[in-house]
C-alpha atoms as a PDB file:
ATOM      1  CA  MET A   1       2.425   2.699   6.898  1.00  0.00           C
ATOM      2  CA  ARG A   2       0.829   2.352  10.320  1.00  0.00           C
ATOM      3  CA  GLU A   3      -1.149   5.531   9.770  1.00  0.00           C
ATOM      4  CA  VAL A   4      -2.378   4.216   6.415  1.00  0.00           C
ATOM      5  CA  TYR A   5      -3.555   1.023   8.116  1.00  0.00           C
ATOM      6  CA  ARG A   6      -5.258   2.920  10.942  1.00  0.00           C
ATOM      7  CA  GLY A   7      -7.028   5.170   8.454  1.00  0.00           C
ATOM      8  CA  ALA A   8      -8.243   2.178   6.450  1.00  0.00           C
ATOM      9  CA  VAL A   9      -9.611   0.478   9.546  1.00  0.00           C
ATOM     10  CA  ALA A  10     -11.276   3.668  10.770  1.00  0.00           C
ATOM     11  CA  ALA A  11     -12.884   4.440   7.395  1.00  0.00           C
ATOM     12  CA  ASN A  12     -13.893   0.797   6.810  1.00  0.00           C
ATOM     13  CA  ARG A  13     -13.992   1.439   3.050  1.00  0.00           C
ATOM     14  CA  ALA A  14     -11.865  -0.427   0.518  1.00  0.00           C
ATOM     15  CA  THR A  15     -11.694   2.508  -1.893  1.00  0.00           C
ATOM     16  CA  LYS A  16     -10.352   4.833   0.817  1.00  0.00           C
ATOM     17  CA  ALA A  17      -7.819   2.229   1.923  1.00  0.00           C
ATOM     18  CA  GLU A  18      -6.655   1.701  -1.654  1.00  0.00           C
ATOM     19  CA  GLN A  19      -6.246   5.421  -2.288  1.00  0.00           C
ATOM     20  CA  ASP A  20      -4.364   5.905   0.980  1.00  0.00           C
ATOM     21  CA  LEU A  21      -2.023   3.043   0.069  1.00  0.00           C
ATOM     22  CA  LEU A  22      -1.386   4.534  -3.375  1.00  0.00           C
ATOM     23  CA  ASP A  23      -0.669   7.935  -1.822  1.00  0.00           C
ATOM     24  CA  TRP A  24       1.731   6.399   0.686  1.00  0.00           C
ATOM     25  CA  ARG A  25       3.468   4.387  -2.008  1.00  0.00           C
ATOM     26  CA  SER A  26       3.921   7.510  -4.113  1.00  0.00           C
ATOM     27  CA  TRP A  27       5.508   9.315  -1.174  1.00  0.00           C
ATOM     28  CA  ALA A  28       7.656   6.318  -0.196  1.00  0.00           C
ATOM     29  CA  ARG A  29       9.142   5.998  -3.675  1.00  0.00           C
ATOM     30  CA  ARG A  30      10.430   9.574  -3.419  1.00  0.00           C
ATOM     31  CA  CYS A  31      11.727   9.135   0.129  1.00  0.00           C
ATOM     32  CA  ARG A  32      15.490   9.387   0.739  1.00  0.00           C
ATOM     33  CA  ARG A  33      15.573   6.390   3.076  1.00  0.00           C
ATOM     34  CA  GLU A  34      16.352   3.140   1.304  1.00  0.00           C
ATOM     35  CA  PRO A  35      14.401   0.851   3.695  1.00  0.00           C
ATOM     36  CA  ILE A  36      11.223   2.813   2.979  1.00  0.00           C
ATOM     37  CA  LYS A  37      11.855   2.649  -0.769  1.00  0.00           C
ATOM     38  CA  ARG A  38      12.352  -1.114  -0.497  1.00  0.00           C
ATOM     39  CA  LEU A  39       9.070  -1.475   1.393  1.00  0.00           C
ATOM     40  CA  ALA A  40       7.271   0.567  -1.276  1.00  0.00           C
ATOM     41  CA  ASN A  41       8.693  -1.689  -3.991  1.00  0.00           C
ATOM     42  CA  MET A  42       7.650  -4.777  -2.047  1.00  0.00           C
ATOM     43  CA  VAL A  43       4.097  -3.415  -1.725  1.00  0.00           C
ATOM     44  CA  CYS A  44       4.047  -2.864  -5.505  1.00  0.00           C
ATOM     45  CA  ARG A  45       5.149  -6.434  -6.156  1.00  0.00           C
ATOM     46  CA  LEU A  46       2.674  -7.915  -3.667  1.00  0.00           C
ATOM     47  CA  ARG A  47      -0.234  -5.973  -5.151  1.00  0.00           C
ATOM     48  CA  SER A  48       0.506  -7.468  -8.577  1.00  0.00           C
ATOM     49  CA  ILE A  49       0.391 -11.079  -7.312  1.00  0.00           C
ATOM     50  CA  PRO A  50      -3.032 -12.693  -7.807  1.00  0.00           C
ATOM     51  CA  THR A  51      -4.682 -14.284  -4.780  1.00  0.00           C
ATOM     52  CA  ARG A  52      -5.980 -17.837  -4.595  1.00  0.00           C
ATOM     53  CA  ASN A  53      -9.325 -16.895  -6.114  1.00  0.00           C
ATOM     54  CA  GLY A  54      -7.635 -15.013  -8.978  1.00  0.00           C
ATOM     55  CA  ILE A  55      -8.624 -11.547  -7.830  1.00  0.00           C
ATOM     56  CA  LYS A  56      -5.891  -9.020  -7.169  1.00  0.00           C
ATOM     57  CA  PRO A  57      -5.885  -7.538  -3.683  1.00  0.00           C
END
């Protein structure tokens, strides 16, 4: 997750950050470690929650 964040900051492009997050989430869902799976599920839930201005993150 830290590498995904660093890559997003370095690229400074929302589309790259979004794709990196989706790639990480895909990997994390297949991971054997339960804490990582839980984090991936939390990211999925948070991405589906609208923000104050009604736009999804």
